[in-house]
Amino acid sequence: MPADNGREESIATAVNEVSDRMTLLMREEIELAKAEVTVQVTTLAKGAAAGAAGAVFGVFAIVFLLLTIAWGLNSLLSSLWLGFLIVLILLTLAAVGAFLFARSKLNKAGPPVPTMAIDQAKQIRSDLQSEAHT
């Protein structure tokens, strides 16, 4: 009987070790997913901040460019309202084009996904299932 009791204790110890290791593995996978998402979000935030700064300077440049074009057309056509109307039409077309371009890019982007962590979790699951069947 003592041999059976010792064997049951070693099995219990092994089960506890496997459980502890699985818990540790799952925690590490969660940390990996958090790290991946953090890196992606940080990169997106930096890009958005740079884009916003560029947009502010771009707005000022565009205003001066459009005023220059409108006044230049005024000199060529001798009609102030016609010069500004032509600039308005061009600006409206540019705005529509930019909106369509932005919409197509945003639809392709999608949310940030921790692909490495998901792939590794799938691999661990398949390894555990194959071990369970053998």
N, C-alpha and C. Protein backbone atom coordinates (compact mmCIF):
# COMPACT_ATOMS: atom_id res chain seq x y z
N MET A 1 0.79 -1.21 0.00
CA MET A 1 0.00 0.00 0.00
C MET A 1 0.83 1.28 0.00
N PRO A 2 1.97 1.32 0.69
CA PRO A 2 2.73 2.55 0.69
C PRO A 2 3.17 2.95 -0.72
N ALA A 3 3.42 1.97 -1.59
CA ALA A 3 3.86 2.31 -2.95
C ALA A 3 2.75 3.04 -3.70
N ASP A 4 1.49 2.58 -3.50
CA ASP A 4 0.37 3.25 -4.17
C ASP A 4 0.19 4.67 -3.64
N ASN A 5 0.34 4.84 -2.32
CA ASN A 5 0.18 6.16 -1.72
C ASN A 5 1.24 7.12 -2.27
N GLY A 6 2.47 6.66 -2.40
CA GLY A 6 3.53 7.49 -2.95
C GLY A 6 3.29 7.83 -4.41
N ARG A 7 2.72 6.86 -5.12
CA ARG A 7 2.44 7.10 -6.54
C ARG A 7 1.34 8.14 -6.69
N GLU A 8 0.33 8.07 -5.84
CA GLU A 8 -0.76 9.06 -5.89
C GLU A 8 -0.23 10.46 -5.56
N GLU A 9 0.69 10.54 -4.63
CA GLU A 9 1.28 11.83 -4.28
C GLU A 9 2.10 12.38 -5.45
N SER A 10 2.86 11.52 -6.13
CA SER A 10 3.66 12.00 -7.26
C SER A 10 2.77 12.44 -8.42
N ILE A 11 1.64 11.74 -8.61
CA ILE A 11 0.70 12.16 -9.66
C ILE A 11 0.08 13.50 -9.27
N ALA A 12 -0.27 13.65 -8.01
CA ALA A 12 -0.84 14.92 -7.55
C ALA A 12 0.17 16.04 -7.71
N THR A 13 1.42 15.76 -7.40
CA THR A 13 2.47 16.76 -7.55
C THR A 13 2.64 17.14 -9.03
N ALA A 14 2.62 16.14 -9.90
CA ALA A 14 2.76 16.40 -11.33
C ALA A 14 1.58 17.22 -11.85
N VAL A 15 0.38 16.90 -11.40
CA VAL A 15 -0.80 17.66 -11.84
C VAL A 15 -0.70 19.11 -11.36
N ASN A 16 -0.25 19.29 -10.12
CA ASN A 16 -0.06 20.65 -9.60
C ASN A 16 0.98 21.42 -10.41
N GLU A 17 2.09 20.76 -10.75
CA GLU A 17 3.12 21.42 -11.54
C GLU A 17 2.60 21.80 -12.92
N VAL A 18 1.86 20.89 -13.55
CA VAL A 18 1.31 21.19 -14.87
C VAL A 18 0.33 22.35 -14.77
N SER A 19 -0.48 22.36 -13.75
CA SER A 19 -1.45 23.44 -13.55
C SER A 19 -0.73 24.77 -13.33
N ASP A 20 0.30 24.75 -12.52
CA ASP A 20 1.07 25.98 -12.28
C ASP A 20 1.74 26.48 -13.57
N ARG A 21 2.29 25.55 -14.32
CA ARG A 21 2.95 25.95 -15.57
C ARG A 21 1.94 26.49 -16.59
N MET A 22 0.76 25.88 -16.65
CA MET A 22 -0.27 26.37 -17.58
C MET A 22 -0.73 27.78 -17.17
N THR A 23 -0.86 27.99 -15.86
CA THR A 23 -1.24 29.32 -15.38
C THR A 23 -0.18 30.34 -15.76
N LEU A 24 1.08 29.99 -15.55
CA LEU A 24 2.18 30.88 -15.91
C LEU A 24 2.20 31.14 -17.42
N LEU A 25 2.00 30.09 -18.19
CA LEU A 25 1.99 30.23 -19.65
C LEU A 25 0.87 31.15 -20.10
N MET A 26 -0.31 31.01 -19.54
CA MET A 26 -1.44 31.86 -19.91
C MET A 26 -1.16 33.31 -19.53
N ARG A 27 -0.57 33.53 -18.37
CA ARG A 27 -0.22 34.89 -17.96
C ARG A 27 0.79 35.51 -18.92
N GLU A 28 1.77 34.71 -19.33
CA GLU A 28 2.76 35.22 -20.27
C GLU A 28 2.13 35.54 -21.62
N GLU A 29 1.18 34.72 -22.06
CA GLU A 29 0.49 34.97 -23.32
C GLU A 29 -0.32 36.26 -23.23
N ILE A 30 -0.95 36.50 -22.11
CA ILE A 30 -1.72 37.73 -21.92
C ILE A 30 -0.79 38.94 -21.94
N GLU A 31 0.38 38.81 -21.29
CA GLU A 31 1.36 39.89 -21.30
C GLU A 31 1.87 40.16 -22.72
N LEU A 32 2.08 39.09 -23.50
CA LEU A 32 2.52 39.25 -24.88
C LEU A 32 1.46 40.00 -25.68
N ALA A 33 0.21 39.64 -25.50
CA ALA A 33 -0.88 40.32 -26.22
C ALA A 33 -0.94 41.80 -25.83
N LYS A 34 -0.79 42.08 -24.54
CA LYS A 34 -0.80 43.48 -24.09
C LYS A 34 0.36 44.25 -24.71
N ALA A 35 1.53 43.64 -24.75
CA ALA A 35 2.70 44.31 -25.31
C ALA A 35 2.50 44.60 -26.79
N GLU A 36 1.95 43.63 -27.52
CA GLU A 36 1.71 43.83 -28.95
C GLU A 36 0.74 44.98 -29.19
N VAL A 37 -0.36 44.98 -28.47
CA VAL A 37 -1.37 46.03 -28.66
C VAL A 37 -0.80 47.39 -28.25
N THR A 38 0.00 47.42 -27.18
CA THR A 38 0.60 48.68 -26.74
C THR A 38 1.52 49.25 -27.82
N VAL A 39 2.32 48.40 -28.44
CA VAL A 39 3.23 48.86 -29.49
C VAL A 39 2.42 49.39 -30.68
N GLN A 40 1.37 48.68 -31.06
CA GLN A 40 0.56 49.11 -32.20
C GLN A 40 -0.15 50.43 -31.90
N VAL A 41 -0.72 50.55 -30.71
CA VAL A 41 -1.43 51.78 -30.36
C VAL A 41 -0.47 52.95 -30.26
N THR A 42 0.73 52.74 -29.71
CA THR A 42 1.72 53.80 -29.62
C THR A 42 2.14 54.28 -31.01
N THR A 43 2.35 53.35 -31.91
CA THR A 43 2.71 53.71 -33.28
C THR A 43 1.59 54.51 -33.95
N LEU A 44 0.36 54.06 -33.75
CA LEU A 44 -0.78 54.79 -34.32
C LEU A 44 -0.90 56.19 -33.72
N ALA A 45 -0.67 56.32 -32.42
CA ALA A 45 -0.77 57.62 -31.76
C ALA A 45 0.30 58.58 -32.27
N LYS A 46 1.52 58.10 -32.43
CA LYS A 46 2.60 58.94 -32.95
C LYS A 46 2.28 59.40 -34.38
N GLY A 47 1.78 58.48 -35.18
CA GLY A 47 1.42 58.83 -36.55
C GLY A 47 0.29 59.84 -36.59
N ALA A 48 -0.69 59.67 -35.71
CA ALA A 48 -1.81 60.61 -35.67
C ALA A 48 -1.35 62.00 -35.22
N ALA A 49 -0.46 62.06 -34.25
CA ALA A 49 0.04 63.35 -33.78
C ALA A 49 0.83 64.06 -34.87
N ALA A 50 1.68 63.32 -35.58
CA ALA A 50 2.44 63.92 -36.67
C ALA A 50 1.51 64.38 -37.79
N GLY A 51 0.49 63.58 -38.07
CA GLY A 51 -0.48 63.96 -39.09
C GLY A 51 -1.25 65.21 -38.71
N ALA A 52 -1.60 65.32 -37.43
CA ALA A 52 -2.33 66.50 -36.95
C ALA A 52 -1.46 67.76 -37.07
N ALA A 53 -0.19 67.65 -36.69
CA ALA A 53 0.71 68.81 -36.80
C ALA A 53 0.87 69.22 -38.26
N GLY A 54 1.04 68.25 -39.12
CA GLY A 54 1.16 68.54 -40.55
C GLY A 54 -0.12 69.16 -41.10
N ALA A 55 -1.25 68.70 -40.60
CA ALA A 55 -2.53 69.24 -41.07
C ALA A 55 -2.69 70.71 -40.69
N VAL A 56 -2.26 71.07 -39.50
CA VAL A 56 -2.36 72.48 -39.07
C VAL A 56 -1.54 73.37 -39.99
N PHE A 57 -0.29 72.99 -40.24
CA PHE A 57 0.55 73.79 -41.13
C PHE A 57 0.00 73.77 -42.55
N GLY A 58 -0.52 72.64 -42.96
CA GLY A 58 -1.09 72.52 -44.29
C GLY A 58 -2.30 73.41 -44.50
N VAL A 59 -3.11 73.54 -43.46
CA VAL A 59 -4.29 74.42 -43.56
C VAL A 59 -3.87 75.85 -43.81
N PHE A 60 -2.88 76.32 -43.08
CA PHE A 60 -2.40 77.69 -43.29
C PHE A 60 -1.82 77.86 -44.69
N ALA A 61 -1.07 76.90 -45.14
CA ALA A 61 -0.48 76.98 -46.48
C ALA A 61 -1.56 76.98 -47.55
N ILE A 62 -2.55 76.15 -47.38
CA ILE A 62 -3.63 76.07 -48.37
C ILE A 62 -4.42 77.38 -48.42
N VAL A 63 -4.68 77.97 -47.27
CA VAL A 63 -5.41 79.24 -47.26
C VAL A 63 -4.66 80.30 -48.06
N PHE A 64 -3.36 80.42 -47.84
CA PHE A 64 -2.58 81.41 -48.58
C PHE A 64 -2.49 81.06 -50.06
N LEU A 65 -2.36 79.79 -50.38
CA LEU A 65 -2.32 79.37 -51.78
C LEU A 65 -3.63 79.68 -52.48
N LEU A 66 -4.74 79.38 -51.83
CA LEU A 66 -6.04 79.64 -52.45
C LEU A 66 -6.31 81.13 -52.62
N LEU A 67 -5.91 81.92 -51.66
CA LEU A 67 -6.05 83.37 -51.80
C LEU A 67 -5.20 83.89 -52.96
N THR A 68 -3.99 83.35 -53.09
CA THR A 68 -3.12 83.75 -54.19
C THR A 68 -3.74 83.39 -55.53
N ILE A 69 -4.28 82.19 -55.64
CA ILE A 69 -4.91 81.76 -56.89
C ILE A 69 -6.14 82.62 -57.20
N ALA A 70 -6.97 82.87 -56.19
CA ALA A 70 -8.18 83.68 -56.41
C ALA A 70 -7.83 85.09 -56.86
N TRP A 71 -6.86 85.70 -56.23
CA TRP A 71 -6.47 87.06 -56.62
C TRP A 71 -5.78 87.04 -57.98
N GLY A 72 -5.04 85.98 -58.30
CA GLY A 72 -4.43 85.85 -59.62
C GLY A 72 -5.48 85.72 -60.71
N LEU A 73 -6.51 84.92 -60.45
CA LEU A 73 -7.62 84.80 -61.41
C LEU A 73 -8.35 86.12 -61.56
N ASN A 74 -8.47 86.85 -60.46
CA ASN A 74 -9.08 88.18 -60.52
C ASN A 74 -8.31 89.08 -61.48
N SER A 75 -6.99 89.00 -61.40
CA SER A 75 -6.17 89.83 -62.31
C SER A 75 -6.34 89.39 -63.76
N LEU A 76 -6.44 88.07 -63.99
CA LEU A 76 -6.57 87.56 -65.36
C LEU A 76 -7.97 87.80 -65.94
N LEU A 77 -9.01 87.58 -65.13
CA LEU A 77 -10.39 87.62 -65.62
C LEU A 77 -11.08 88.97 -65.36
N SER A 78 -10.45 89.80 -64.59
CA SER A 78 -11.04 91.09 -64.19
C SER A 78 -12.39 90.91 -63.52
N SER A 79 -12.53 89.83 -62.76
CA SER A 79 -13.79 89.56 -62.04
C SER A 79 -13.44 88.88 -60.72
N LEU A 80 -13.64 89.61 -59.64
CA LEU A 80 -13.28 89.08 -58.32
C LEU A 80 -14.11 87.85 -57.96
N TRP A 81 -15.43 87.93 -58.14
CA TRP A 81 -16.28 86.81 -57.72
C TRP A 81 -16.01 85.56 -58.53
N LEU A 82 -15.70 85.69 -59.84
CA LEU A 82 -15.44 84.53 -60.69
C LEU A 82 -14.14 83.83 -60.26
N GLY A 83 -13.13 84.58 -59.89
CA GLY A 83 -11.87 84.00 -59.41
C GLY A 83 -12.08 83.18 -58.14
N PHE A 84 -12.85 83.75 -57.22
CA PHE A 84 -13.12 83.02 -55.97
C PHE A 84 -14.04 81.83 -56.20
N LEU A 85 -14.97 81.91 -57.17
CA LEU A 85 -15.86 80.79 -57.48
C LEU A 85 -15.07 79.62 -58.06
N ILE A 86 -14.13 79.91 -58.95
CA ILE A 86 -13.30 78.84 -59.51
C ILE A 86 -12.48 78.16 -58.42
N VAL A 87 -11.94 78.93 -57.52
CA VAL A 87 -11.17 78.37 -56.41
C VAL A 87 -12.08 77.52 -55.51
N LEU A 88 -13.28 77.98 -55.27
CA LEU A 88 -14.24 77.22 -54.45
C LEU A 88 -14.56 75.87 -55.10
N ILE A 89 -14.79 75.86 -56.38
CA ILE A 89 -15.10 74.60 -57.08
C ILE A 89 -13.91 73.65 -57.00
N LEU A 90 -12.71 74.13 -57.25
CA LEU A 90 -11.52 73.28 -57.16
C LEU A 90 -11.32 72.74 -55.74
N LEU A 91 -11.55 73.59 -54.77
CA LEU A 91 -11.39 73.17 -53.37
C LEU A 91 -12.43 72.12 -53.00
N THR A 92 -13.65 72.26 -53.47
CA THR A 92 -14.70 71.28 -53.19
C THR A 92 -14.35 69.93 -53.82
N LEU A 93 -13.85 69.94 -55.04
CA LEU A 93 -13.44 68.68 -55.68
C LEU A 93 -12.29 68.02 -54.92
N ALA A 94 -11.34 68.81 -54.47
CA ALA A 94 -10.22 68.26 -53.69
C ALA A 94 -10.71 67.67 -52.37
N ALA A 95 -11.67 68.32 -51.73
CA ALA A 95 -12.20 67.82 -50.45
C ALA A 95 -12.91 66.49 -50.65
N VAL A 96 -13.69 66.37 -51.69
CA VAL A 96 -14.39 65.11 -51.96
C VAL A 96 -13.38 64.00 -52.25
N GLY A 97 -12.36 64.30 -53.06
CA GLY A 97 -11.33 63.30 -53.35
C GLY A 97 -10.60 62.85 -52.09
N ALA A 98 -10.26 63.80 -51.24
CA ALA A 98 -9.55 63.45 -49.99
C ALA A 98 -10.44 62.61 -49.08
N PHE A 99 -11.72 62.95 -49.01
CA PHE A 99 -12.64 62.18 -48.17
C PHE A 99 -12.75 60.74 -48.67
N LEU A 100 -12.89 60.56 -49.97
CA LEU A 100 -13.00 59.20 -50.53
C LEU A 100 -11.72 58.40 -50.30
N PHE A 101 -10.57 59.05 -50.45
CA PHE A 101 -9.29 58.37 -50.19
C PHE A 101 -9.18 57.95 -48.72
N ALA A 102 -9.52 58.87 -47.81
CA ALA A 102 -9.44 58.57 -46.37
C ALA A 102 -10.38 57.44 -46.01
N ARG A 103 -11.57 57.44 -46.54
CA ARG A 103 -12.54 56.38 -46.22
C ARG A 103 -12.03 55.03 -46.68
N SER A 104 -11.44 54.96 -47.87
CA SER A 104 -10.93 53.68 -48.36
C SER A 104 -9.78 53.17 -47.49
N LYS A 105 -8.90 54.07 -47.04
CA LYS A 105 -7.78 53.66 -46.20
C LYS A 105 -8.26 53.22 -44.80
N LEU A 106 -9.22 53.93 -44.23
CA LEU A 106 -9.71 53.58 -42.91
C LEU A 106 -10.49 52.27 -42.92
N ASN A 107 -11.17 51.97 -44.00
CA ASN A 107 -11.89 50.71 -44.10
C ASN A 107 -10.94 49.53 -44.18
N LYS A 108 -9.75 49.72 -44.78
CA LYS A 108 -8.77 48.65 -44.90
C LYS A 108 -8.01 48.41 -43.60
N ALA A 109 -7.87 49.44 -42.77
CA ALA A 109 -6.98 49.36 -41.60
C ALA A 109 -7.49 48.37 -40.56
N GLY A 110 -8.69 48.53 -40.05
CA GLY A 110 -9.21 47.66 -39.02
C GLY A 110 -8.56 47.92 -37.67
N PRO A 111 -9.08 47.28 -36.64
CA PRO A 111 -8.54 47.50 -35.29
C PRO A 111 -7.22 46.75 -35.08
N PRO A 112 -6.41 47.22 -34.13
CA PRO A 112 -5.17 46.51 -33.83
C PRO A 112 -5.46 45.15 -33.19
N VAL A 113 -4.80 44.12 -33.68
CA VAL A 113 -5.03 42.75 -33.20
C VAL A 113 -3.68 42.14 -32.81
N PRO A 114 -3.60 41.51 -31.64
CA PRO A 114 -2.34 40.87 -31.23
C PRO A 114 -2.14 39.53 -31.94
N THR A 115 -1.76 39.56 -33.21
CA THR A 115 -1.68 38.36 -34.02
C THR A 115 -0.65 37.35 -33.52
N MET A 116 0.49 37.84 -33.03
CA MET A 116 1.52 36.91 -32.54
C MET A 116 1.00 36.12 -31.34
N ALA A 117 0.34 36.79 -30.42
CA ALA A 117 -0.17 36.10 -29.24
C ALA A 117 -1.28 35.12 -29.61
N ILE A 118 -2.13 35.50 -30.54
CA ILE A 118 -3.20 34.60 -30.97
C ILE A 118 -2.62 33.37 -31.66
N ASP A 119 -1.63 33.56 -32.54
CA ASP A 119 -1.00 32.43 -33.23
C ASP A 119 -0.32 31.50 -32.23
N GLN A 120 0.34 32.08 -31.26
CA GLN A 120 1.03 31.24 -30.27
C GLN A 120 0.03 30.49 -29.41
N ALA A 121 -1.07 31.12 -29.04
CA ALA A 121 -2.10 30.44 -28.24
C ALA A 121 -2.70 29.28 -29.03
N LYS A 122 -2.92 29.48 -30.33
CA LYS A 122 -3.44 28.39 -31.16
C LYS A 122 -2.44 27.25 -31.23
N GLN A 123 -1.16 27.59 -31.34
CA GLN A 123 -0.13 26.55 -31.39
C GLN A 123 -0.08 25.77 -30.09
N ILE A 124 -0.16 26.45 -28.97
CA ILE A 124 -0.15 25.78 -27.66
C ILE A 124 -1.36 24.87 -27.54
N ARG A 125 -2.51 25.37 -27.96
CA ARG A 125 -3.74 24.56 -27.88
C ARG A 125 -3.62 23.30 -28.72
N SER A 126 -3.10 23.44 -29.94
CA SER A 126 -2.98 22.26 -30.80
C SER A 126 -1.94 21.29 -30.24
N ASP A 127 -0.85 21.81 -29.64
CA ASP A 127 0.14 20.93 -29.01
C ASP A 127 -0.45 20.19 -27.84
N LEU A 128 -1.23 20.86 -27.02
CA LEU A 128 -1.86 20.21 -25.86
C LEU A 128 -2.87 19.18 -26.30
N GLN A 129 -3.61 19.45 -27.37
CA GLN A 129 -4.59 18.48 -27.86
C GLN A 129 -3.91 17.27 -28.43
N SER A 130 -2.79 17.47 -29.14
CA SER A 130 -2.07 16.32 -29.70
C SER A 130 -1.42 15.50 -28.58
N GLU A 131 -0.96 16.15 -27.52
CA GLU A 131 -0.40 15.44 -26.37
C GLU A 131 -1.47 14.65 -25.64
N ALA A 132 -2.68 15.20 -25.57
CA ALA A 132 -3.76 14.53 -24.86
C ALA A 132 -4.20 13.27 -25.60
N HIS A 133 -4.10 13.27 -26.92
CA HIS A 133 -4.53 12.12 -27.71
C HIS A 133 -3.48 11.02 -27.77
N THR A 134 -2.25 11.32 -27.38
CA THR A 134 -1.20 10.28 -27.43
C THR A 134 -1.04 9.59 -26.12
